[in-house]
PDB file of N, CA and C in Angstrom:
ATOM      1  N   MET A   1     -12.351   3.507  -3.575  1.00  0.00           N
ATOM      2  CA  MET A   1     -12.008   4.886  -3.290  1.00  0.00           C
ATOM      3  C   MET A   1     -10.612   5.152  -3.849  1.00  0.00           C
ATOM      4  N   ASN A   2     -10.463   6.257  -4.544  1.00  0.00           N
ATOM      5  CA  ASN A   2      -9.145   6.641  -5.030  1.00  0.00           C
ATOM      6  C   ASN A   2      -8.596   7.796  -4.183  1.00  0.00           C
ATOM      7  N   LYS A   3      -7.397   8.254  -4.544  1.00  0.00           N
ATOM      8  CA  LYS A   3      -6.723   9.268  -3.732  1.00  0.00           C
ATOM      9  C   LYS A   3      -7.517  10.568  -3.651  1.00  0.00           C
ATOM     10  N   SER A   4      -8.077  11.025  -4.764  1.00  0.00           N
ATOM     11  CA  SER A   4      -8.826  12.290  -4.738  1.00  0.00           C
ATOM     12  C   SER A   4     -10.094  12.168  -3.901  1.00  0.00           C
ATOM     13  N   GLN A   5     -10.731  11.007  -3.901  1.00  0.00           N
ATOM     14  CA  GLN A   5     -11.910  10.804  -3.063  1.00  0.00           C
ATOM     15  C   GLN A   5     -11.520  10.792  -1.590  1.00  0.00           C
ATOM     16  N   LEU A   6     -10.367  10.199  -1.280  1.00  0.00           N
ATOM     17  CA  LEU A   6      -9.863  10.206   0.098  1.00  0.00           C
ATOM     18  C   LEU A   6      -9.602  11.644   0.552  1.00  0.00           C
ATOM     19  N   ILE A   7      -8.999  12.438  -0.309  1.00  0.00           N
ATOM     20  CA  ILE A   7      -8.717  13.845   0.007  1.00  0.00           C
ATOM     21  C   ILE A   7     -10.027  14.598   0.258  1.00  0.00           C
ATOM     22  N   ASP A   8     -11.013  14.372  -0.583  1.00  0.00           N
ATOM     23  CA  ASP A   8     -12.311  15.032  -0.410  1.00  0.00           C
ATOM     24  C   ASP A   8     -12.950  14.664   0.930  1.00  0.00           C
ATOM     25  N   LYS A   9     -12.939  13.379   1.271  1.00  0.00           N
ATOM     26  CA  LYS A   9     -13.540  12.928   2.537  1.00  0.00           C
ATOM     27  C   LYS A   9     -12.785  13.504   3.738  1.00  0.00           C
ATOM     28  N   LEU A  10     -11.456  13.547   3.647  1.00  0.00           N
ATOM     29  CA  LEU A  10     -10.656  14.106   4.731  1.00  0.00           C
ATOM     30  C   LEU A  10     -10.953  15.594   4.895  1.00  0.00           C
ATOM     31  N   ALA A  11     -11.079  16.311   3.794  1.00  0.00           N
ATOM     32  CA  ALA A  11     -11.378  17.747   3.851  1.00  0.00           C
ATOM     33  C   ALA A  11     -12.728  17.995   4.512  1.00  0.00           C
ATOM     34  N   VAL A  12     -13.716  17.194   4.164  1.00  0.00           N
ATOM     35  CA  VAL A  12     -15.057  17.367   4.735  1.00  0.00           C
ATOM     36  C   VAL A  12     -15.049  17.018   6.220  1.00  0.00           C
ATOM     37  N   SER A  13     -14.431  15.885   6.580  1.00  0.00           N
ATOM     38  CA  SER A  13     -14.478  15.445   7.980  1.00  0.00           C
ATOM     39  C   SER A  13     -13.649  16.326   8.909  1.00  0.00           C
ATOM     40  N   THR A  14     -12.631  17.009   8.383  1.00  0.00           N
ATOM     41  CA  THR A  14     -11.812  17.885   9.228  1.00  0.00           C
ATOM     42  C   THR A  14     -12.170  19.357   9.049  1.00  0.00           C
ATOM     43  N   GLN A  15     -13.120  19.626   8.154  1.00  0.00           N
ATOM     44  CA  GLN A  15     -13.548  20.989   7.845  1.00  0.00           C
ATOM     45  C   GLN A  15     -12.360  21.859   7.414  1.00  0.00           C
ATOM     46  N   GLN A  16     -11.524  21.274   6.558  1.00  0.00           N
ATOM     47  CA  GLN A  16     -10.370  21.979   5.997  1.00  0.00           C
ATOM     48  C   GLN A  16     -10.554  22.080   4.480  1.00  0.00           C
ATOM     49  N   THR A  17      -9.678  22.849   3.842  1.00  0.00           N
ATOM     50  CA  THR A  17      -9.719  22.957   2.386  1.00  0.00           C
ATOM     51  C   THR A  17      -9.148  21.688   1.767  1.00  0.00           C
ATOM     52  N   ASN A  18      -9.484  21.471   0.509  1.00  0.00           N
ATOM     53  CA  ASN A  18      -8.934  20.307  -0.195  1.00  0.00           C
ATOM     54  C   ASN A  18      -7.410  20.387  -0.295  1.00  0.00           C
ATOM     55  N   LYS A  19      -6.887  21.592  -0.400  1.00  0.00           N
ATOM     56  CA  LYS A  19      -5.438  21.764  -0.515  1.00  0.00           C
ATOM     57  C   LYS A  19      -4.735  21.296   0.770  1.00  0.00           C
ATOM     58  N   ILE A  20      -5.281  21.632   1.920  1.00  0.00           N
ATOM     59  CA  ILE A  20      -4.698  21.201   3.195  1.00  0.00           C
ATOM     60  C   ILE A  20      -4.833  19.690   3.343  1.00  0.00           C
ATOM     61  N   ALA A  21      -5.996  19.154   2.993  1.00  0.00           N
ATOM     62  CA  ALA A  21      -6.207  17.707   3.079  1.00  0.00           C
ATOM     63  C   ALA A  21      -5.278  16.970   2.127  1.00  0.00           C
ATOM     64  N   GLU A  22      -5.080  17.509   0.937  1.00  0.00           N
ATOM     65  CA  GLU A  22      -4.180  16.886  -0.030  1.00  0.00           C
ATOM     66  C   GLU A  22      -2.750  16.858   0.513  1.00  0.00           C
ATOM     67  N   GLY A  23      -2.336  17.941   1.145  1.00  0.00           N
ATOM     68  CA  GLY A  23      -1.009  17.988   1.742  1.00  0.00           C
ATOM     69  C   GLY A  23      -0.846  16.927   2.820  1.00  0.00           C
ATOM     70  N   ALA A  24      -1.854  16.746   3.655  1.00  0.00           N
ATOM     71  CA  ALA A  24      -1.795  15.750   4.720  1.00  0.00           C
ATOM     72  C   ALA A  24      -1.702  14.334   4.144  1.00  0.00           C
ATOM     73  N   VAL A  25      -2.513  14.047   3.135  1.00  0.00           N
ATOM     74  CA  VAL A  25      -2.493  12.720   2.502  1.00  0.00           C
ATOM     75  C   VAL A  25      -1.140  12.473   1.848  1.00  0.00           C
ATOM     76  N   ASN A  26      -0.614  13.474   1.143  1.00  0.00           N
ATOM     77  CA  ASN A  26       0.689  13.322   0.484  1.00  0.00           C
ATOM     78  C   ASN A  26       1.811  13.095   1.495  1.00  0.00           C
ATOM     79  N   ILE A  27       1.781  13.818   2.614  1.00  0.00           N
ATOM     80  CA  ILE A  27       2.788  13.632   3.656  1.00  0.00           C
ATOM     81  C   ILE A  27       2.717  12.212   4.210  1.00  0.00           C
ATOM     82  N   PHE A  28       1.502  11.722   4.465  1.00  0.00           N
ATOM     83  CA  PHE A  28       1.301  10.371   4.985  1.00  0.00           C
ATOM     84  C   PHE A  28       1.905   9.333   4.038  1.00  0.00           C
ATOM     85  N   PHE A  29       1.545   9.415   2.753  1.00  0.00           N
ATOM     86  CA  PHE A  29       2.057   8.448   1.780  1.00  0.00           C
ATOM     87  C   PHE A  29       3.568   8.580   1.589  1.00  0.00           C
ATOM     88  N   ASP A  30       4.081   9.809   1.583  1.00  0.00           N
ATOM     89  CA  ASP A  30       5.522  10.015   1.415  1.00  0.00           C
ATOM     90  C   ASP A  30       6.311   9.378   2.555  1.00  0.00           C
ATOM     91  N   HIS A  31       5.809   9.490   3.773  1.00  0.00           N
ATOM     92  CA  HIS A  31       6.515   8.900   4.915  1.00  0.00           C
ATOM     93  C   HIS A  31       6.486   7.377   4.860  1.00  0.00           C
ATOM     94  N   ILE A  32       5.406   6.810   4.389  1.00  0.00           N
ATOM     95  CA  ILE A  32       5.359   5.353   4.225  1.00  0.00           C
ATOM     96  C   ILE A  32       6.370   4.928   3.164  1.00  0.00           C
ATOM     97  N   LYS A  33       6.419   5.642   2.043  1.00  0.00           N
ATOM     98  CA  LYS A  33       7.377   5.319   0.979  1.00  0.00           C
ATOM     99  C   LYS A  33       8.813   5.433   1.477  1.00  0.00           C
ATOM    100  N   GLN A  34       9.118   6.498   2.222  1.00  0.00           N
ATOM    101  CA  GLN A  34      10.476   6.698   2.737  1.00  0.00           C
ATOM    102  C   GLN A  34      10.876   5.584   3.698  1.00  0.00           C
ATOM    103  N   ALA A  35       9.962   5.200   4.568  1.00  0.00           N
ATOM    104  CA  ALA A  35      10.257   4.142   5.533  1.00  0.00           C
ATOM    105  C   ALA A  35      10.515   2.825   4.812  1.00  0.00           C
ATOM    106  N   LEU A  36       9.696   2.491   3.835  1.00  0.00           N
ATOM    107  CA  LEU A  36       9.899   1.248   3.092  1.00  0.00           C
ATOM    108  C   LEU A  36      11.202   1.289   2.299  1.00  0.00           C
ATOM    109  N   SER A  37      11.514   2.439   1.715  1.00  0.00           N
ATOM    110  CA  SER A  37      12.773   2.582   0.961  1.00  0.00           C
ATOM    111  C   SER A  37      13.982   2.385   1.860  1.00  0.00           C
ATOM    112  N   ALA A  38      13.841   2.768   3.140  1.00  0.00           N
ATOM    113  CA  ALA A  38      14.935   2.604   4.101  1.00  0.00           C
ATOM    114  C   ALA A  38      14.975   1.178   4.673  1.00  0.00           C
ATOM    115  N   GLY A  39      14.028   0.329   4.258  1.00  0.00           N
ATOM    116  CA  GLY A  39      14.001  -1.045   4.738  1.00  0.00           C
ATOM    117  C   GLY A  39      13.222  -1.242   6.022  1.00  0.00           C
ATOM    118  N   ASP A  40      12.504  -0.198   6.465  1.00  0.00           N
ATOM    119  CA  ASP A  40      11.721  -0.298   7.695  1.00  0.00           C
ATOM    120  C   ASP A  40      10.340  -0.874   7.411  1.00  0.00           C
ATOM    121  N   LYS A  41       9.713  -1.396   8.447  1.00  0.00           N
ATOM    122  CA  LYS A  41       8.340  -1.878   8.394  1.00  0.00           C
ATOM    123  C   LYS A  41       7.450  -0.763   8.950  1.00  0.00           C
ATOM    124  N   VAL A  42       6.286  -0.557   8.346  1.00  0.00           N
ATOM    125  CA  VAL A  42       5.337   0.444   8.818  1.00  0.00           C
ATOM    126  C   VAL A  42       4.121  -0.294   9.355  1.00  0.00           C
ATOM    127  N   GLU A  43       3.821  -0.096  10.632  1.00  0.00           N
ATOM    128  CA  GLU A  43       2.687  -0.773  11.245  1.00  0.00           C
ATOM    129  C   GLU A  43       1.699   0.259  11.770  1.00  0.00           C
ATOM    130  N   ILE A  44       0.450   0.144  11.341  1.00  0.00           N
ATOM    131  CA  ILE A  44      -0.618   1.018  11.804  1.00  0.00           C
ATOM    132  C   ILE A  44      -1.598   0.121  12.547  1.00  0.00           C
ATOM    133  N   ARG A  45      -1.562   0.183  13.865  1.00  0.00           N
ATOM    134  CA  ARG A  45      -2.375  -0.708  14.699  1.00  0.00           C
ATOM    135  C   ARG A  45      -3.845  -0.626  14.324  1.00  0.00           C
ATOM    136  N   GLY A  46      -4.477  -1.773  14.202  1.00  0.00           N
ATOM    137  CA  GLY A  46      -5.882  -1.845  13.861  1.00  0.00           C
ATOM    138  C   GLY A  46      -6.157  -1.740  12.374  1.00  0.00           C
ATOM    139  N   PHE A  47      -5.142  -1.380  11.586  1.00  0.00           N
ATOM    140  CA  PHE A  47      -5.327  -1.248  10.137  1.00  0.00           C
ATOM    141  C   PHE A  47      -4.517  -2.285   9.387  1.00  0.00           C
ATOM    142  N   GLY A  48      -3.201  -2.271   9.585  1.00  0.00           N
ATOM    143  CA  GLY A  48      -2.349  -3.232   8.904  1.00  0.00           C
ATOM    144  C   GLY A  48      -0.903  -2.788   8.902  1.00  0.00           C
ATOM    145  N   SER A  49      -0.090  -3.540   8.181  1.00  0.00           N
ATOM    146  CA  SER A  49       1.337  -3.217   8.124  1.00  0.00           C
ATOM    147  C   SER A  49       1.842  -3.316   6.692  1.00  0.00           C
ATOM    148  N   PHE A  50       2.794  -2.447   6.396  1.00  0.00           N
ATOM    149  CA  PHE A  50       3.464  -2.420   5.110  1.00  0.00           C
ATOM    150  C   PHE A  50       4.886  -2.916   5.341  1.00  0.00           C
ATOM    151  N   MET A  51       5.364  -3.785   4.469  1.00  0.00           N
ATOM    152  CA  MET A  51       6.727  -4.290   4.584  1.00  0.00           C
ATOM    153  C   MET A  51       7.249  -4.625   3.195  1.00  0.00           C
ATOM    154  N   LEU A  52       8.520  -4.936   3.121  1.00  0.00           N
ATOM    155  CA  LEU A  52       9.119  -5.343   1.858  1.00  0.00           C
ATOM    156  C   LEU A  52       9.258  -6.859   1.834  1.00  0.00           C
ATOM    157  N   LYS A  53       8.966  -7.457   0.704  1.00  0.00           N
ATOM    158  CA  LYS A  53       9.182  -8.884   0.502  1.00  0.00           C
ATOM    159  C   LYS A  53      10.291  -9.028  -0.526  1.00  0.00           C
ATOM    160  N   SER A  54      11.251  -9.877  -0.226  1.00  0.00           N
ATOM    161  CA  SER A  54      12.365 -10.112  -1.140  1.00  0.00           C
ATOM    162  C   SER A  54      12.076 -11.320  -2.017  1.00  0.00           C
ATOM    163  N   TYR A  55      12.389 -11.186  -3.284  1.00  0.00           N
ATOM    164  CA  TYR A  55      12.234 -12.270  -4.240  1.00  0.00           C
ATOM    165  C   TYR A  55      13.594 -12.537  -4.876  1.00  0.00           C
ATOM    166  N   ASN A  56      14.020 -13.779  -4.884  1.00  0.00           N
ATOM    167  CA  ASN A  56      15.297 -14.150  -5.483  1.00  0.00           C
ATOM    168  C   ASN A  56      15.211 -14.069  -7.002  1.00  0.00           C
ATOM    169  N   ALA A  57      16.382 -13.958  -7.629  1.00  0.00           N
ATOM    170  CA  ALA A  57      16.456 -13.958  -9.087  1.00  0.00           C
ATOM    171  C   ALA A  57      16.062 -15.338  -9.606  1.00  0.00           C
ATOM    172  N   TYR A  58      15.496 -15.364 -10.791  1.00  0.00           N
ATOM    173  CA  TYR A  58      15.123 -16.636 -11.397  1.00  0.00           C
ATOM    174  C   TYR A  58      15.069 -16.482 -12.909  1.00  0.00           C
ATOM    175  N   THR A  59      15.024 -17.611 -13.604  1.00  0.00           N
ATOM    176  CA  THR A  59      14.889 -17.595 -15.045  1.00  0.00           C
ATOM    177  C   THR A  59      13.431 -17.849 -15.375  1.00  0.00           C
ATOM    178  N   GLY A  60      12.799 -16.874 -15.986  1.00  0.00           N
ATOM    179  CA  GLY A  60      11.397 -16.986 -16.358  1.00  0.00           C
ATOM    180  C   GLY A  60      11.250 -17.260 -17.838  1.00  0.00           C
ATOM    181  N   ARG A  61      10.027 -17.196 -18.325  1.00  0.00           N
ATOM    182  CA  ARG A  61       9.759 -17.457 -19.727  1.00  0.00           C
ATOM    183  C   ARG A  61       8.783 -16.411 -20.239  1.00  0.00           C
ATOM    184  N   ASN A  62       9.104 -15.836 -21.380  1.00  0.00           N
ATOM    185  CA  ASN A  62       8.197 -14.897 -22.030  1.00  0.00           C
ATOM    186  C   ASN A  62       7.039 -15.715 -22.597  1.00  0.00           C
ATOM    187  N   PRO A  63       5.803 -15.494 -22.114  1.00  0.00           N
ATOM    188  CA  PRO A  63       4.687 -16.326 -22.561  1.00  0.00           C
ATOM    189  C   PRO A  63       4.344 -16.161 -24.041  1.00  0.00           C
ATOM    190  N   LYS A  64       4.694 -15.024 -24.606  1.00  0.00           N
ATOM    191  CA  LYS A  64       4.364 -14.772 -26.014  1.00  0.00           C
ATOM    192  C   LYS A  64       5.326 -15.492 -26.959  1.00  0.00           C
ATOM    193  N   THR A  65       6.630 -15.436 -26.637  1.00  0.00           N
ATOM    194  CA  THR A  65       7.637 -16.006 -27.538  1.00  0.00           C
ATOM    195  C   THR A  65       8.211 -17.322 -27.029  1.00  0.00           C
ATOM    196  N   GLY A  66       8.043 -17.598 -25.735  1.00  0.00           N
ATOM    197  CA  GLY A  66       8.631 -18.808 -25.162  1.00  0.00           C
ATOM    198  C   GLY A  66      10.106 -18.634 -24.814  1.00  0.00           C
ATOM    199  N   GLU A  67      10.645 -17.461 -25.097  1.00  0.00           N
ATOM    200  CA  GLU A  67      12.060 -17.182 -24.842  1.00  0.00           C
ATOM    201  C   GLU A  67      12.324 -17.132 -23.335  1.00  0.00           C
ATOM    202  N   ARG A  68      13.478 -17.683 -22.912  1.00  0.00           N
ATOM    203  CA  ARG A  68      13.857 -17.648 -21.512  1.00  0.00           C
ATOM    204  C   ARG A  68      14.357 -16.238 -21.177  1.00  0.00           C
ATOM    205  N   VAL A  69      13.929 -15.745 -20.013  1.00  0.00           N
ATOM    206  CA  VAL A  69      14.257 -14.381 -19.606  1.00  0.00           C
ATOM    207  C   VAL A  69      14.764 -14.410 -18.171  1.00  0.00           C
ATOM    208  N   PHE A  70      15.881 -13.711 -17.919  1.00  0.00           N
ATOM    209  CA  PHE A  70      16.412 -13.617 -16.560  1.00  0.00           C
ATOM    210  C   PHE A  70      15.666 -12.521 -15.818  1.00  0.00           C
ATOM    211  N   VAL A  71      15.127 -12.862 -14.643  1.00  0.00           N
ATOM    212  CA  VAL A  71      14.433 -11.891 -13.801  1.00  0.00           C
ATOM    213  C   VAL A  71      15.315 -11.649 -12.582  1.00  0.00           C
ATOM    214  N   PRO A  72      15.827 -10.419 -12.404  1.00  0.00           N
ATOM    215  CA  PRO A  72      16.755 -10.150 -11.298  1.00  0.00           C
ATOM    216  C   PRO A  72      16.063 -10.172  -9.933  1.00  0.00           C
ATOM    217  N   LYS A  73      16.881 -10.277  -8.886  1.00  0.00           N
ATOM    218  CA  LYS A  73      16.382 -10.219  -7.507  1.00  0.00           C
ATOM    219  C   LYS A  73      15.693  -8.876  -7.304  1.00  0.00           C
ATOM    220  N   LYS A  74      14.605  -8.893  -6.533  1.00  0.00           N
ATOM    221  CA  LYS A  74      13.876  -7.641  -6.319  1.00  0.00           C
ATOM    222  C   LYS A  74      13.186  -7.658  -4.969  1.00  0.00           C
ATOM    223  N   GLU A  75      12.847  -6.472  -4.499  1.00  0.00           N
ATOM    224  CA  GLU A  75      12.060  -6.300  -3.287  1.00  0.00           C
ATOM    225  C   GLU A  75      10.808  -5.518  -3.671  1.00  0.00           C
ATOM    226  N   LEU A  76       9.662  -6.020  -3.219  1.00  0.00           N
ATOM    227  CA  LEU A  76       8.398  -5.373  -3.546  1.00  0.00           C
ATOM    228  C   LEU A  76       7.627  -5.064  -2.272  1.00  0.00           C
ATOM    229  N   PRO A  77       6.888  -3.943  -2.258  1.00  0.00           N
ATOM    230  CA  PRO A  77       6.081  -3.620  -1.085  1.00  0.00           C
ATOM    231  C   PRO A  77       4.937  -4.621  -0.932  1.00  0.00           C
ATOM    232  N   PHE A  78       4.597  -4.907   0.310  1.00  0.00           N
ATOM    233  CA  PHE A  78       3.557  -5.881   0.625  1.00  0.00           C
ATOM    234  C   PHE A  78       2.735  -5.327   1.777  1.00  0.00           C
ATOM    235  N   PHE A  79       1.410  -5.470   1.698  1.00  0.00           N
ATOM    236  CA  PHE A  79       0.515  -4.998   2.755  1.00  0.00           C
ATOM    237  C   PHE A  79      -0.181  -6.192   3.379  1.00  0.00           C
ATOM    238  N   ARG A  80      -0.186  -6.235   4.693  1.00  0.00           N
ATOM    239  CA  ARG A  80      -0.918  -7.271   5.421  1.00  0.00           C
ATOM    240  C   ARG A  80      -1.956  -6.573   6.295  1.00  0.00           C
ATOM    241  N   ALA A  81      -3.220  -6.906   6.077  1.00  0.00           N
ATOM    242  CA  ALA A  81      -4.309  -6.283   6.833  1.00  0.00           C
ATOM    243  C   ALA A  81      -4.264  -6.713   8.290  1.00  0.00           C
ATOM    244  N   GLY A  82      -4.564  -5.778   9.188  1.00  0.00           N
ATOM    245  CA  GLY A  82      -4.625  -6.063  10.616  1.00  0.00           C
ATOM    246  C   GLY A  82      -5.924  -6.767  10.981  1.00  0.00           C
ATOM    247  N   LYS A  83      -5.959  -7.306  12.181  1.00  0.00           N
ATOM    248  CA  LYS A  83      -7.109  -8.078  12.640  1.00  0.00           C
ATOM    249  C   LYS A  83      -8.392  -7.245  12.629  1.00  0.00           C
ATOM    250  N   ASP A  84      -8.345  -6.016  13.145  1.00  0.00           N
ATOM    251  CA  ASP A  84      -9.539  -5.171  13.193  1.00  0.00           C
ATOM    252  C   ASP A  84     -10.091  -4.906  11.794  1.00  0.00           C
ATOM    253  N   LEU A  85      -9.217  -4.624  10.842  1.00  0.00           N
ATOM    254  CA  LEU A  85      -9.643  -4.372   9.465  1.00  0.00           C
ATOM    255  C   LEU A  85     -10.249  -5.628   8.853  1.00  0.00           C
ATOM    256  N   ARG A  86      -9.601  -6.769   9.046  1.00  0.00           N
ATOM    257  CA  ARG A  86     -10.132  -8.029   8.511  1.00  0.00           C
ATOM    258  C   ARG A  86     -11.515  -8.326   9.069  1.00  0.00           C
ATOM    259  N   LEU A  87     -11.689  -8.132  10.386  1.00  0.00           N
ATOM    260  CA  LEU A  87     -12.990  -8.412  11.020  1.00  0.00           C
ATOM    261  C   LEU A  87     -14.067  -7.462  10.500  1.00  0.00           C
ATOM    262  N   GLN A  88     -13.736  -6.179  10.348  1.00  0.00           N
ATOM    263  CA  GLN A  88     -14.711  -5.206   9.864  1.00  0.00           C
ATOM    264  C   GLN A  88     -15.132  -5.519   8.439  1.00  0.00           C
ATOM    265  N   VAL A  89     -14.167  -5.842   7.597  1.00  0.00           N
ATOM    266  CA  VAL A  89     -14.486  -6.167   6.204  1.00  0.00           C
ATOM    267  C   VAL A  89     -15.325  -7.439   6.132  1.00  0.00           C
ATOM    268  N   ASP A  90     -14.976  -8.415   6.949  1.00  0.00           N
ATOM    269  CA  ASP A  90     -15.721  -9.671   6.963  1.00  0.00           C
ATOM    270  C   ASP A  90     -17.150  -9.452   7.448  1.00  0.00           C
ATOM    271  N   ASP A  91     -17.342  -8.628   8.488  1.00  0.00           N
ATOM    272  CA  ASP A  91     -18.677  -8.345   9.009  1.00  0.00           C
ATOM    273  C   ASP A  91     -19.536  -7.602   7.998  1.00  0.00           C
ATOM    274  N   ASN A  92     -18.926  -6.698   7.235  1.00  0.00           N
ATOM    275  CA  ASN A  92     -19.676  -5.918   6.238  1.00  0.00           C
ATOM    276  C   ASN A  92     -20.020  -6.734   4.992  1.00  0.00           C
ATOM    277  N   SER A  93     -19.320  -7.837   4.765  1.00  0.00           N
ATOM    278  CA  SER A  93     -19.582  -8.626   3.567  1.00  0.00           C
ATOM    279  C   SER A  93     -20.697  -9.643   3.758  1.00  0.00           C
ATOM    280  N   LYS A  94     -21.173  -9.811   4.993  1.00  0.00           N
ATOM    281  CA  LYS A  94     -22.246 -10.768   5.273  1.00  0.00           C
ATOM    282  C   LYS A  94     -23.594 -10.136   4.943  1.00  0.00           C
ATOM    283  N   PRO A  95     -24.485 -10.924   4.353  1.00  0.00           N
ATOM    284  CA  PRO A  95     -25.811 -10.361   3.988  1.00  0.00           C
ATOM    285  C   PRO A  95     -26.681 -10.041   5.165  1.00  0.00           C
TER     286      PRO A  95
END
């Protein structure tokens, strides 16, 4: 499912226009981005949590040229699925 499909499903299930549903989805994602940018963790019970993972700087290698490349320290968003989501996905994957 992509973002536009999510907007369509939200519009149908709430009996709202796509424009209103799109606004709601955008607000939801914007607040998650803002919280992560501020260094906060976002936890949605039963679904999962979003957090930042820190990676130290290191010297890597360009696989094409073999040249050594410095990779600076960085923080990347990370999602960990909650127990309810993991169980539901696992139950649906069984034949």
